[in-house]
Amino acid sequence: MSVTLLLAHLTLPTRDVERTAAFLERAFRLSRLAVPDNSPVDLVWLDMGGGQQLHVLHVDGFEVSAFEQELGRHIAFNHQEADFGGLKQRLTAQGATLISPERSTPYDRFFFREPVNGYVFEVIGVGAGQ
């Protein structure tokens, strides 16, 4: 039996919630959502569309994995290919490092390391009709 899983939310721990959330907001043009009043830590929820959310929360002493890379751990998002140029400009203007893929694929994509925590993201191009 096959089951369809839809992402409800992705949680990104960080030492600096505001800088991490602001980076993601500006790069991907995400908007903030209301957060619960009873959270014991500082957090920001971002709307990724389609009911999906990105939760950024404070964790004391947090360090990203030493395995953040294409052939290791990374976070992959689909993004409109028509905005690749604009996205890359927004990323580099905020201090992100663009990374070329290590292997070729039949679709356009690129990676970047975000400047606050060192997370690695993959951005996969999708066309207007996809």
Protein backbone atom coordinates (compact mmCIF):
# COMPACT_ATOMS: atom_id res chain seq x y z
CA MET A 1 0.00 0.00 0.00
CA SER A 2 1.36 3.40 -0.98
CA VAL A 3 1.00 6.39 1.32
CA THR A 4 1.33 10.03 0.30
CA LEU A 5 3.18 12.19 2.78
CA LEU A 6 2.87 15.95 2.60
CA LEU A 7 5.27 18.17 4.48
CA ALA A 8 3.48 20.02 7.29
CA HIS A 9 6.52 21.87 8.54
CA LEU A 10 10.29 21.78 8.66
CA THR A 11 12.02 22.90 11.86
CA LEU A 12 15.34 24.74 11.65
CA PRO A 13 17.15 25.21 14.95
CA THR A 14 19.42 28.24 15.30
CA ARG A 15 21.19 30.40 17.84
CA ASP A 16 19.83 33.53 16.10
CA VAL A 17 16.14 33.23 15.25
CA GLU A 18 15.68 36.76 13.91
CA ARG A 19 18.69 36.71 11.56
CA THR A 20 17.85 33.22 10.26
CA ALA A 21 14.17 34.05 9.70
CA ALA A 22 14.96 37.41 8.08
CA PHE A 23 17.43 35.74 5.69
CA LEU A 24 14.81 33.18 4.60
CA GLU A 25 12.08 35.84 4.31
CA ARG A 26 14.18 38.05 2.04
CA ALA A 27 15.66 35.24 -0.06
CA PHE A 28 12.49 33.25 -0.70
CA ARG A 29 9.97 36.06 -0.13
CA LEU A 30 8.26 34.14 2.68
CA SER A 31 5.85 35.74 5.12
CA ARG A 32 5.57 35.27 8.86
CA LEU A 33 2.73 33.42 10.51
CA ALA A 34 1.31 33.76 14.01
CA VAL A 35 3.12 31.61 16.57
CA PRO A 36 1.76 30.01 19.75
CA ASP A 37 1.90 32.18 22.88
CA ASN A 38 3.02 29.23 24.99
CA SER A 39 6.37 28.49 23.33
CA PRO A 40 9.21 28.16 25.84
CA VAL A 41 11.74 29.39 23.21
CA ASP A 42 12.03 32.24 20.71
CA LEU A 43 10.61 31.16 17.35
CA VAL A 44 9.31 32.37 13.99
CA TRP A 45 6.99 30.47 11.69
CA LEU A 46 7.23 31.15 7.96
CA ASP A 47 4.61 30.36 5.33
CA MET A 48 6.05 28.32 2.44
CA GLY A 49 2.68 28.08 0.65
CA GLY A 50 0.37 25.13 0.14
CA GLY A 51 -0.08 24.72 3.88
CA GLN A 52 3.63 24.07 4.41
CA GLN A 53 5.57 25.96 7.05
CA LEU A 54 9.18 26.56 8.03
CA HIS A 55 9.68 26.85 11.81
CA VAL A 56 12.82 28.64 12.98
CA LEU A 57 13.50 28.18 16.68
CA HIS A 58 16.19 29.02 19.19
CA VAL A 59 18.40 26.21 20.51
CA ASP A 60 21.22 27.17 22.88
CA GLY A 61 24.63 26.12 21.56
CA PHE A 62 23.23 24.88 18.25
CA GLU A 63 25.73 23.82 15.56
CA VAL A 64 24.84 22.56 12.08
CA SER A 65 25.95 19.12 10.98
CA ALA A 66 29.48 18.71 9.68
CA PHE A 67 27.82 16.82 6.82
CA GLU A 68 25.94 19.78 5.29
CA GLN A 69 26.60 19.25 1.57
CA GLU A 70 25.05 17.96 -1.65
CA LEU A 71 25.97 14.35 -0.93
CA GLY A 72 25.20 14.70 2.76
CA ARG A 73 22.45 16.52 4.58
CA HIS A 74 20.76 19.45 2.88
CA ILE A 75 17.32 20.98 2.52
CA ALA A 76 15.79 20.97 -0.98
CA PHE A 77 13.11 23.36 -2.24
CA ASN A 78 11.38 23.61 -5.58
CA HIS A 79 11.49 27.18 -6.88
CA GLN A 80 10.31 28.89 -10.04
CA GLU A 81 13.18 28.64 -12.50
CA ALA A 82 12.22 32.02 -13.96
CA ASP A 83 13.31 33.58 -10.63
CA PHE A 84 16.68 31.78 -10.39
CA GLY A 85 18.61 34.93 -11.33
CA GLY A 86 16.72 37.07 -8.82
CA LEU A 87 17.01 34.45 -6.10
CA LYS A 88 20.76 34.11 -6.62
CA GLN A 89 21.11 37.91 -6.36
CA ARG A 90 19.05 38.00 -3.14
CA LEU A 91 21.11 35.16 -1.69
CA THR A 92 24.53 36.60 -2.46
CA ALA A 93 23.47 40.10 -1.38
CA GLN A 94 22.79 38.60 2.05
CA GLY A 95 26.10 36.73 2.24
CA ALA A 96 25.08 33.25 1.05
CA THR A 97 27.64 31.19 -0.84
CA LEU A 98 26.44 29.67 -4.12
CA ILE A 99 27.59 26.09 -4.71
CA SER A 100 27.61 24.30 -8.06
CA PRO A 101 26.11 20.79 -8.10
CA GLU A 102 28.58 17.90 -7.93
CA ARG A 103 26.55 15.80 -10.37
CA SER A 104 24.51 16.67 -13.42
CA THR A 105 20.74 16.28 -13.60
CA PRO A 106 18.18 16.72 -16.38
CA TYR A 107 16.76 19.74 -14.52
CA ASP A 108 18.30 23.02 -13.40
CA ARG A 109 19.36 23.32 -9.78
CA PHE A 110 21.96 24.88 -7.54
CA PHE A 111 23.02 24.80 -3.92
CA PHE A 112 23.87 27.50 -1.43
CA ARG A 113 25.20 27.75 2.10
CA GLU A 114 23.25 30.27 4.16
CA PRO A 115 25.39 32.71 6.15
CA VAL A 116 23.81 32.54 9.61
CA ASN A 117 24.12 28.86 10.53
CA GLY A 118 25.81 27.20 7.55
CA TYR A 119 22.80 25.17 6.41
CA VAL A 120 23.06 23.91 2.83
CA PHE A 121 20.00 24.30 0.62
CA GLU A 122 19.31 22.85 -2.83
CA VAL A 123 17.08 24.88 -5.13
CA ILE A 124 15.40 22.85 -7.88
CA GLY A 125 13.93 24.71 -10.84
CA VAL A 126 10.33 24.23 -11.79
CA GLY A 127 8.59 25.80 -14.77
CA ALA A 128 5.38 27.80 -14.73
CA GLY A 129 3.35 24.80 -15.90
CA GLN A 130 4.71 22.30 -13.37
